[in-house]
Full PDB file with SEQRES, HELIX, SHEET, SSBOND, CRYST1, ORIGX, SCALE, CONECT and MASTER records, all heavy atoms in Angstrom:
SEQRES   1 A   36  VAL GLY VAL LEU PRO GLY ILE ILE VAL GLY ILE LEU LEU          
SEQRES   2 A   36  SER LEU ALA TYR LEU ILE GLN PHE MET ALA ARG PRO PHE          
SEQRES   3 A   36  ASP ALA VAL LEU CYS SER ALA GLU GLY ARG                      
HELIX    1 AA1 VAL A    3  ALA A   23  1                                  21    
CRYST1    1.000    1.000    1.000  90.00  90.00  90.00 P 1           1          
ORIGX1      1.000000  0.000000  0.000000        0.00000                         
ORIGX2      0.000000  1.000000  0.000000        0.00000                         
ORIGX3      0.000000  0.000000  1.000000        0.00000                         
SCALE1      1.000000  0.000000  0.000000        0.00000                         
SCALE2      0.000000  1.000000  0.000000        0.00000                         
SCALE3      0.000000  0.000000  1.000000        0.00000                         
ATOM      1  N   VAL A   1      22.815  10.033  -0.170  1.00  0.00           N  
ATOM      2  CA  VAL A   1      23.522   9.180   0.815  1.00  0.00           C  
ATOM      3  C   VAL A   1      24.416   8.146   0.156  1.00  0.00           C  
ATOM      4  O   VAL A   1      25.222   7.506   0.838  1.00  0.00           O  
ATOM      5  CB  VAL A   1      22.517   8.505   1.756  1.00  0.00           C  
ATOM      6  CG1 VAL A   1      21.679   9.517   2.465  1.00  0.00           C  
ATOM      7  CG2 VAL A   1      21.626   7.495   1.022  1.00  0.00           C  
ATOM      8  N   GLY A   2      24.290   7.916  -1.148  1.00  0.00           N  
ATOM      9  CA  GLY A   2      25.162   6.962  -1.855  1.00  0.00           C  
ATOM     10  C   GLY A   2      24.415   5.677  -2.171  1.00  0.00           C  
ATOM     11  O   GLY A   2      23.289   5.422  -1.722  1.00  0.00           O  
ATOM     12  N   VAL A   3      25.043   4.827  -3.014  1.00  0.00           N  
ATOM     13  CA  VAL A   3      24.358   3.625  -3.520  1.00  0.00           C  
ATOM     14  C   VAL A   3      24.172   2.544  -2.462  1.00  0.00           C  
ATOM     15  O   VAL A   3      23.143   1.878  -2.442  1.00  0.00           O  
ATOM     16  CB  VAL A   3      25.145   3.035  -4.719  1.00  0.00           C  
ATOM     17  CG1 VAL A   3      24.939   3.864  -5.973  1.00  0.00           C  
ATOM     18  CG2 VAL A   3      26.618   2.904  -4.428  1.00  0.00           C  
ATOM     19  N   LEU A   4      25.138   2.382  -1.545  1.00  0.00           N  
ATOM     20  CA  LEU A   4      24.972   1.338  -0.537  1.00  0.00           C  
ATOM     21  C   LEU A   4      23.849   1.687   0.460  1.00  0.00           C  
ATOM     22  O   LEU A   4      22.930   0.890   0.658  1.00  0.00           O  
ATOM     23  CB  LEU A   4      26.292   1.097   0.196  1.00  0.00           C  
ATOM     24  CG  LEU A   4      27.213   0.040  -0.407  1.00  0.00           C  
ATOM     25  CD1 LEU A   4      28.540  -0.020   0.319  1.00  0.00           C  
ATOM     26  CD2 LEU A   4      26.548  -1.317  -0.428  1.00  0.00           C  
ATOM     27  N   PRO A   5      23.869   2.855   1.061  1.00  0.00           N  
ATOM     28  CA  PRO A   5      22.735   3.207   1.924  1.00  0.00           C  
ATOM     29  C   PRO A   5      21.439   3.323   1.112  1.00  0.00           C  
ATOM     30  O   PRO A   5      20.340   3.129   1.659  1.00  0.00           O  
ATOM     31  CB  PRO A   5      23.130   4.581   2.522  1.00  0.00           C  
ATOM     32  CG  PRO A   5      24.586   4.649   2.391  1.00  0.00           C  
ATOM     33  CD  PRO A   5      24.929   3.895   1.133  1.00  0.00           C  
ATOM     34  N   GLY A   6      21.582   3.618  -0.199  1.00  0.00           N  
ATOM     35  CA  GLY A   6      20.410   3.725  -1.029  1.00  0.00           C  
ATOM     36  C   GLY A   6      19.622   2.420  -1.118  1.00  0.00           C  
ATOM     37  O   GLY A   6      18.405   2.435  -1.282  1.00  0.00           O  
ATOM     38  N   ILE A   7      20.347   1.277  -1.052  1.00  0.00           N  
ATOM     39  CA  ILE A   7      19.643  -0.004  -1.039  1.00  0.00           C  
ATOM     40  C   ILE A   7      18.745  -0.097   0.196  1.00  0.00           C  
ATOM     41  O   ILE A   7      17.583  -0.518   0.102  1.00  0.00           O  
ATOM     42  CB  ILE A   7      20.678  -1.174  -0.983  1.00  0.00           C  
ATOM     43  CG1 ILE A   7      21.357  -1.314  -2.343  1.00  0.00           C  
ATOM     44  CG2 ILE A   7      20.014  -2.468  -0.595  1.00  0.00           C  
ATOM     45  CD1 ILE A   7      20.510  -1.975  -3.397  1.00  0.00           C  
ATOM     46  N   ILE A   8      19.269   0.297   1.369  1.00  0.00           N  
ATOM     47  CA  ILE A   8      18.459   0.260   2.601  1.00  0.00           C  
ATOM     48  C   ILE A   8      17.292   1.242   2.490  1.00  0.00           C  
ATOM     49  O   ILE A   8      16.164   0.914   2.887  1.00  0.00           O  
ATOM     50  CB  ILE A   8      19.339   0.611   3.821  1.00  0.00           C  
ATOM     51  CG1 ILE A   8      20.584  -0.308   3.846  1.00  0.00           C  
ATOM     52  CG2 ILE A   8      18.526   0.473   5.078  1.00  0.00           C  
ATOM     53  CD1 ILE A   8      20.252  -1.783   3.891  1.00  0.00           C  
ATOM     54  N   VAL A   9      17.558   2.421   1.958  1.00  0.00           N  
ATOM     55  CA  VAL A   9      16.481   3.391   1.737  1.00  0.00           C  
ATOM     56  C   VAL A   9      15.404   2.792   0.851  1.00  0.00           C  
ATOM     57  O   VAL A   9      14.199   2.924   1.112  1.00  0.00           O  
ATOM     58  CB  VAL A   9      17.038   4.685   1.095  1.00  0.00           C  
ATOM     59  CG1 VAL A   9      15.900   5.607   0.658  1.00  0.00           C  
ATOM     60  CG2 VAL A   9      17.935   5.424   2.085  1.00  0.00           C  
ATOM     61  N   GLY A  10      15.849   2.079  -0.210  1.00  0.00           N  
ATOM     62  CA  GLY A  10      14.885   1.448  -1.132  1.00  0.00           C  
ATOM     63  C   GLY A  10      14.020   0.413  -0.436  1.00  0.00           C  
ATOM     64  O   GLY A  10      12.807   0.382  -0.661  1.00  0.00           O  
ATOM     65  N   ILE A  11      14.635  -0.415   0.382  1.00  0.00           N  
ATOM     66  CA  ILE A  11      13.857  -1.462   1.084  1.00  0.00           C  
ATOM     67  C   ILE A  11      12.878  -0.845   2.063  1.00  0.00           C  
ATOM     68  O   ILE A  11      11.695  -1.236   2.149  1.00  0.00           O  
ATOM     69  CB  ILE A  11      14.828  -2.403   1.811  1.00  0.00           C  
ATOM     70  CG1 ILE A  11      15.635  -3.231   0.817  1.00  0.00           C  
ATOM     71  CG2 ILE A  11      14.045  -3.360   2.725  1.00  0.00           C  
ATOM     72  CD1 ILE A  11      16.724  -4.042   1.408  1.00  0.00           C  
ATOM     73  N   LEU A  12      13.322   0.179   2.806  1.00  0.00           N  
ATOM     74  CA  LEU A  12      12.442   0.867   3.741  1.00  0.00           C  
ATOM     75  C   LEU A  12      11.278   1.545   3.027  1.00  0.00           C  
ATOM     76  O   LEU A  12      10.129   1.505   3.496  1.00  0.00           O  
ATOM     77  CB  LEU A  12      13.215   1.872   4.565  1.00  0.00           C  
ATOM     78  CG  LEU A  12      14.253   1.318   5.538  1.00  0.00           C  
ATOM     79  CD1 LEU A  12      15.016   2.439   6.235  1.00  0.00           C  
ATOM     80  CD2 LEU A  12      13.592   0.410   6.579  1.00  0.00           C  
ATOM     81  N   LEU A  13      11.550   2.133   1.863  1.00  0.00           N  
ATOM     82  CA  LEU A  13      10.480   2.769   1.116  1.00  0.00           C  
ATOM     83  C   LEU A  13       9.534   1.724   0.535  1.00  0.00           C  
ATOM     84  O   LEU A  13       8.321   1.970   0.421  1.00  0.00           O  
ATOM     85  CB  LEU A  13      11.063   3.612  -0.001  1.00  0.00           C  
ATOM     86  CG  LEU A  13      11.639   4.982   0.448  1.00  0.00           C  
ATOM     87  CD1 LEU A  13      12.311   5.682  -0.733  1.00  0.00           C  
ATOM     88  CD2 LEU A  13      10.550   5.869   1.049  1.00  0.00           C  
ATOM     89  N   SER A  14      10.060   0.537   0.141  1.00  0.00           N  
ATOM     90  CA  SER A  14       9.171  -0.531  -0.319  1.00  0.00           C  
ATOM     91  C   SER A  14       8.229  -0.944   0.773  1.00  0.00           C  
ATOM     92  O   SER A  14       7.031  -1.152   0.554  1.00  0.00           O  
ATOM     93  CB  SER A  14      10.017  -1.732  -0.777  1.00  0.00           C  
ATOM     94  OG  SER A  14      10.673  -1.475  -1.984  1.00  0.00           O  
ATOM     95  N   LEU A  15       8.764  -1.062   2.009  1.00  0.00           N  
ATOM     96  CA  LEU A  15       7.900  -1.435   3.131  1.00  0.00           C  
ATOM     97  C   LEU A  15       6.908  -0.312   3.434  1.00  0.00           C  
ATOM     98  O   LEU A  15       5.732  -0.590   3.742  1.00  0.00           O  
ATOM     99  CB  LEU A  15       8.772  -1.746   4.342  1.00  0.00           C  
ATOM    100  CG  LEU A  15       9.679  -2.958   4.227  1.00  0.00           C  
ATOM    101  CD1 LEU A  15      10.578  -3.091   5.458  1.00  0.00           C  
ATOM    102  CD2 LEU A  15       8.862  -4.234   4.046  1.00  0.00           C  
ATOM    103  N   ALA A  16       7.376   0.918   3.350  1.00  0.00           N  
ATOM    104  CA  ALA A  16       6.458   2.039   3.599  1.00  0.00           C  
ATOM    105  C   ALA A  16       5.354   2.088   2.529  1.00  0.00           C  
ATOM    106  O   ALA A  16       4.199   2.368   2.841  1.00  0.00           O  
ATOM    107  CB  ALA A  16       7.241   3.358   3.589  1.00  0.00           C  
ATOM    108  N   TYR A  17       5.739   1.770   1.298  1.00  0.00           N  
ATOM    109  CA  TYR A  17       4.768   1.753   0.205  1.00  0.00           C  
ATOM    110  C   TYR A  17       3.715   0.653   0.459  1.00  0.00           C  
ATOM    111  O   TYR A  17       2.533   0.859   0.223  1.00  0.00           O  
ATOM    112  CB  TYR A  17       5.519   1.441  -1.094  1.00  0.00           C  
ATOM    113  CG  TYR A  17       4.709   1.573  -2.359  1.00  0.00           C  
ATOM    114  CD1 TYR A  17       4.182   2.796  -2.735  1.00  0.00           C  
ATOM    115  CD2 TYR A  17       4.512   0.476  -3.172  1.00  0.00           C  
ATOM    116  CE1 TYR A  17       3.441   2.899  -3.909  1.00  0.00           C  
ATOM    117  CE2 TYR A  17       3.773   0.562  -4.340  1.00  0.00           C  
ATOM    118  CZ  TYR A  17       3.249   1.789  -4.717  1.00  0.00           C  
ATOM    119  OH  TYR A  17       2.538   1.909  -5.865  1.00  0.00           O  
ATOM    120  N   LEU A  18       4.154  -0.489   0.981  1.00  0.00           N  
ATOM    121  CA  LEU A  18       3.209  -1.573   1.305  1.00  0.00           C  
ATOM    122  C   LEU A  18       2.352  -1.190   2.496  1.00  0.00           C  
ATOM    123  O   LEU A  18       1.116  -1.382   2.458  1.00  0.00           O  
ATOM    124  CB  LEU A  18       4.025  -2.836   1.638  1.00  0.00           C  
ATOM    125  CG  LEU A  18       3.231  -4.047   2.159  1.00  0.00           C  
ATOM    126  CD1 LEU A  18       2.246  -4.535   1.096  1.00  0.00           C  
ATOM    127  CD2 LEU A  18       4.148  -5.164   2.597  1.00  0.00           C  
ATOM    128  N   ILE A  19       2.953  -0.644   3.540  1.00  0.00           N  
ATOM    129  CA  ILE A  19       2.211  -0.276   4.735  1.00  0.00           C  
ATOM    130  C   ILE A  19       1.166   0.796   4.436  1.00  0.00           C  
ATOM    131  O   ILE A  19       0.078   0.774   4.999  1.00  0.00           O  
ATOM    132  CB  ILE A  19       3.185   0.208   5.835  1.00  0.00           C  
ATOM    133  CG1 ILE A  19       4.006  -0.984   6.347  1.00  0.00           C  
ATOM    134  CG2 ILE A  19       2.414   0.845   6.998  1.00  0.00           C  
ATOM    135  CD1 ILE A  19       5.134  -0.596   7.270  1.00  0.00           C  
ATOM    136  N   GLN A  20       1.493   1.693   3.509  1.00  0.00           N  
ATOM    137  CA  GLN A  20       0.533   2.739   3.161  1.00  0.00           C  
ATOM    138  C   GLN A  20      -0.784   2.127   2.706  1.00  0.00           C  
ATOM    139  O   GLN A  20      -1.856   2.588   3.075  1.00  0.00           O  
ATOM    140  CB  GLN A  20       1.142   3.632   2.058  1.00  0.00           C  
ATOM    141  CG  GLN A  20       0.178   4.711   1.597  1.00  0.00           C  
ATOM    142  CD  GLN A  20       0.460   5.158   0.179  1.00  0.00           C  
ATOM    143  OE1 GLN A  20       1.117   4.455  -0.589  1.00  0.00           O  
ATOM    144  NE2 GLN A  20      -0.023   6.312  -0.192  1.00  0.00           N  
ATOM    145  N   PHE A  21      -0.687   1.110   1.846  1.00  0.00           N  
ATOM    146  CA  PHE A  21      -1.900   0.485   1.324  1.00  0.00           C  
ATOM    147  C   PHE A  21      -2.558  -0.443   2.354  1.00  0.00           C  
ATOM    148  O   PHE A  21      -3.778  -0.580   2.389  1.00  0.00           O  
ATOM    149  CB  PHE A  21      -1.598  -0.257   0.035  1.00  0.00           C  
ATOM    150  CG  PHE A  21      -1.387   0.646  -1.141  1.00  0.00           C  
ATOM    151  CD1 PHE A  21      -0.115   1.009  -1.539  1.00  0.00           C  
ATOM    152  CD2 PHE A  21      -2.467   1.157  -1.832  1.00  0.00           C  
ATOM    153  CE1 PHE A  21       0.090   1.858  -2.605  1.00  0.00           C  
ATOM    154  CE2 PHE A  21      -2.284   2.022  -2.904  1.00  0.00           C  
ATOM    155  CZ  PHE A  21      -1.005   2.369  -3.276  1.00  0.00           C  
ATOM    156  N   MET A  22      -1.711  -1.071   3.181  1.00  0.00           N  
ATOM    157  CA  MET A  22      -2.278  -1.964   4.177  1.00  0.00           C  
ATOM    158  C   MET A  22      -2.987  -1.176   5.284  1.00  0.00           C  
ATOM    159  O   MET A  22      -3.970  -1.629   5.861  1.00  0.00           O  
ATOM    160  CB  MET A  22      -1.179  -2.838   4.788  1.00  0.00           C  
ATOM    161  CG  MET A  22      -0.553  -3.819   3.793  1.00  0.00           C  
ATOM    162  SD  MET A  22      -1.758  -4.965   3.126  1.00  0.00           S  
ATOM    163  CE  MET A  22      -2.235  -5.848   4.613  1.00  0.00           C  
ATOM    164  N   ALA A  23      -2.444   0.007   5.593  1.00  0.00           N  
ATOM    165  CA  ALA A  23      -3.010   0.800   6.698  1.00  0.00           C  
ATOM    166  C   ALA A  23      -4.328   1.467   6.317  1.00  0.00           C  
ATOM    167  O   ALA A  23      -5.182   1.664   7.164  1.00  0.00           O  
ATOM    168  CB  ALA A  23      -1.999   1.869   7.136  1.00  0.00           C  
ATOM    169  N   ARG A  24      -4.470   1.806   5.066  1.00  0.00           N  
ATOM    170  CA  ARG A  24      -5.715   2.466   4.605  1.00  0.00           C  
ATOM    171  C   ARG A  24      -6.201   1.767   3.321  1.00  0.00           C  
ATOM    172  O   ARG A  24      -6.201   2.348   2.257  1.00  0.00           O  
ATOM    173  CB  ARG A  24      -5.465   3.945   4.320  1.00  0.00           C  
ATOM    174  CG  ARG A  24      -5.142   4.759   5.573  1.00  0.00           C  
ATOM    175  CD  ARG A  24      -6.319   4.810   6.551  1.00  0.00           C  
ATOM    176  NE  ARG A  24      -6.032   5.624   7.708  1.00  0.00           N  
ATOM    177  CZ  ARG A  24      -5.503   5.168   8.827  1.00  0.00           C  
ATOM    178  NH1 ARG A  24      -5.132   3.888   8.929  1.00  0.00           N  
ATOM    179  NH2 ARG A  24      -5.281   5.957   9.848  1.00  0.00           N  
ATOM    180  N   PRO A  25      -6.631   0.542   3.423  1.00  0.00           N  
ATOM    181  CA  PRO A  25      -7.056  -0.222   2.245  1.00  0.00           C  
ATOM    182  C   PRO A  25      -8.401   0.302   1.720  1.00  0.00           C  
ATOM    183  O   PRO A  25      -9.120   1.041   2.418  1.00  0.00           O  
ATOM    184  CB  PRO A  25      -7.167  -1.659   2.744  1.00  0.00           C  
ATOM    185  CG  PRO A  25      -7.485  -1.499   4.180  1.00  0.00           C  
ATOM    186  CD  PRO A  25      -6.766  -0.272   4.658  1.00  0.00           C  
ATOM    187  N   PHE A  26      -8.760  -0.133   0.528  1.00  0.00           N  
ATOM    188  CA  PHE A  26     -10.079   0.162   0.007  1.00  0.00           C  
ATOM    189  C   PHE A  26     -11.135  -0.621   0.815  1.00  0.00           C  
ATOM    190  O   PHE A  26     -10.873  -1.698   1.348  1.00  0.00           O  
ATOM    191  CB  PHE A  26     -10.186  -0.209  -1.472  1.00  0.00           C  
ATOM    192  CG  PHE A  26      -9.395   0.689  -2.366  1.00  0.00           C  
ATOM    193  CD1 PHE A  26      -8.225   0.204  -2.988  1.00  0.00           C  
ATOM    194  CD2 PHE A  26      -9.771   1.990  -2.585  1.00  0.00           C  
ATOM    195  CE1 PHE A  26      -7.489   1.042  -3.804  1.00  0.00           C  
ATOM    196  CE2 PHE A  26      -9.035   2.817  -3.410  1.00  0.00           C  
ATOM    197  CZ  PHE A  26      -7.903   2.336  -4.008  1.00  0.00           C  
ATOM    198  N   ASP A  27     -12.311  -0.020   0.892  1.00  0.00           N  
ATOM    199  CA  ASP A  27     -13.439  -0.691   1.559  1.00  0.00           C  
ATOM    200  C   ASP A  27     -14.679  -0.347   0.815  1.00  0.00           C  
ATOM    201  O   ASP A  27     -14.658   0.455  -0.141  1.00  0.00           O  
ATOM    202  CB  ASP A  27     -13.515  -0.301   3.035  1.00  0.00           C  
ATOM    203  CG  ASP A  27     -13.770   1.195   3.225  1.00  0.00           C  
ATOM    204  OD1 ASP A  27     -13.740   1.938   2.210  1.00  0.00           O  
ATOM    205  OD2 ASP A  27     -14.002   1.632   4.370  1.00  0.00           O  
ATOM    206  N   ALA A  28     -15.801  -0.903   1.209  1.00  0.00           N  
ATOM    207  CA  ALA A  28     -17.066  -0.654   0.513  1.00  0.00           C  
ATOM    208  C   ALA A  28     -18.243  -0.974   1.417  1.00  0.00           C  
ATOM    209  O   ALA A  28     -18.199  -1.943   2.192  1.00  0.00           O  
ATOM    210  CB  ALA A  28     -17.150  -1.464  -0.763  1.00  0.00           C  
ATOM    211  N   VAL A  29     -19.281  -0.160   1.308  1.00  0.00           N  
ATOM    212  CA  VAL A  29     -20.607  -0.497   1.854  1.00  0.00           C  
ATOM    213  C   VAL A  29     -21.368  -1.147   0.705  1.00  0.00           C  
ATOM    214  O   VAL A  29     -21.359  -0.655  -0.420  1.00  0.00           O  
ATOM    215  CB  VAL A  29     -21.343   0.784   2.336  1.00  0.00           C  
ATOM    216  CG1 VAL A  29     -22.751   0.431   2.801  1.00  0.00           C  
ATOM    217  CG2 VAL A  29     -20.543   1.461   3.452  1.00  0.00           C  
ATOM    218  N   LEU A  30     -22.019  -2.268   1.004  1.00  0.00           N  
ATOM    219  CA  LEU A  30     -22.651  -3.076  -0.040  1.00  0.00           C  
ATOM    220  C   LEU A  30     -24.148  -2.900  -0.056  1.00  0.00           C  
ATOM    221  O   LEU A  30     -24.783  -2.632   0.979  1.00  0.00           O  
ATOM    222  CB  LEU A  30     -22.290  -4.552   0.152  1.00  0.00           C  
ATOM    223  CG  LEU A  30     -20.815  -4.893   0.234  1.00  0.00           C  
ATOM    224  CD1 LEU A  30     -20.610  -6.386   0.363  1.00  0.00           C  
ATOM    225  CD2 LEU A  30     -20.050  -4.374  -0.983  1.00  0.00           C  
ATOM    226  N   CYS A  31     -24.723  -3.074  -1.239  1.00  0.00           N  
ATOM    227  CA  CYS A  31     -26.176  -3.021  -1.417  1.00  0.00           C  
ATOM    228  C   CYS A  31     -26.551  -4.074  -2.477  1.00  0.00           C  
ATOM    229  O   CYS A  31     -25.710  -4.629  -3.159  1.00  0.00           O  
ATOM    230  CB  CYS A  31     -26.600  -1.638  -1.893  1.00  0.00           C  
ATOM    231  SG  CYS A  31     -25.921  -1.187  -3.505  1.00  0.00           S  
ATOM    232  N   SER A  32     -27.824  -4.350  -2.593  1.00  0.00           N  
ATOM    233  CA  SER A  32     -28.321  -5.271  -3.597  1.00  0.00           C  
ATOM    234  C   SER A  32     -28.933  -4.434  -4.740  1.00  0.00           C  
ATOM    235  O   SER A  32     -29.229  -3.259  -4.598  1.00  0.00           O  
ATOM    236  CB  SER A  32     -29.414  -6.196  -3.032  1.00  0.00           C  
ATOM    237  OG  SER A  32     -30.486  -5.438  -2.500  1.00  0.00           O  
ATOM    238  N   ALA A  33     -29.084  -5.071  -5.900  1.00  0.00           N  
ATOM    239  CA  ALA A  33     -29.601  -4.402  -7.091  1.00  0.00           C  
ATOM    240  C   ALA A  33     -30.694  -5.240  -7.735  1.00  0.00           C  
ATOM    241  O   ALA A  33     -30.608  -6.490  -7.748  1.00  0.00           O  
ATOM    242  CB  ALA A  33     -28.490  -4.105  -8.090  1.00  0.00           C  
ATOM    243  N   GLU A  34     -31.702  -4.564  -8.215  1.00  0.00           N  
ATOM    244  CA  GLU A  34     -32.808  -5.267  -8.905  1.00  0.00           C  
ATOM    245  C   GLU A  34     -32.260  -6.018 -10.107  1.00  0.00           C  
ATOM    246  O   GLU A  34     -31.553  -5.475 -10.958  1.00  0.00           O  
ATOM    247  CB  GLU A  34     -33.865  -4.239  -9.367  1.00  0.00           C  
ATOM    248  CG  GLU A  34     -34.623  -3.550  -8.214  1.00  0.00           C  
ATOM    249  CD  GLU A  34     -35.538  -4.519  -7.496  1.00  0.00           C  
ATOM    250  OE1 GLU A  34     -35.921  -5.543  -8.085  1.00  0.00           O  
ATOM    251  OE2 GLU A  34     -35.878  -4.253  -6.315  1.00  0.00           O  
ATOM    252  N   GLY A  35     -32.650  -7.303 -10.189  1.00  0.00           N  
ATOM    253  CA  GLY A  35     -32.280  -8.105 -11.360  1.00  0.00           C  
ATOM    254  C   GLY A  35     -30.875  -8.559 -11.401  1.00  0.00           C  
ATOM    255  O   GLY A  35     -30.422  -9.133 -12.396  1.00  0.00           O  
ATOM    256  N   ARG A  36     -30.077  -8.342 -10.334  1.00  0.00           N  
ATOM    257  CA  ARG A  36     -28.666  -8.766 -10.294  1.00  0.00           C  
ATOM    258  C   ARG A  36     -28.414  -9.644  -9.083  1.00  0.00           C  
ATOM    259  O   ARG A  36     -28.979  -9.463  -8.027  1.00  0.00           O  
ATOM    260  CB  ARG A  36     -27.740  -7.558 -10.227  1.00  0.00           C  
ATOM    261  CG  ARG A  36     -27.658  -6.764 -11.527  1.00  0.00           C  
ATOM    262  CD  ARG A  36     -26.805  -5.536 -11.320  1.00  0.00           C  
ATOM    263  NE  ARG A  36     -26.600  -4.784 -12.551  1.00  0.00           N  
ATOM    264  CZ  ARG A  36     -25.519  -4.881 -13.306  1.00  0.00           C  
ATOM    265  NH1 ARG A  36     -24.538  -5.674 -12.966  1.00  0.00           N  
ATOM    266  NH2 ARG A  36     -25.397  -4.182 -14.402  1.00  0.00           N  
TER     267      ARG A  36                                                      
MASTER        0    0    0    1    0    0    0    6  266    1    0    3          
END                                                                             
């Protein structure tokens, strides 16, 4: 699409890259451990 539209593509992909991690973040079930 060219360098000028490429800037917009880049910004949209940056946001998509952020949303990807925000939408499915890491999580954990927690437990306790002996002696810790």
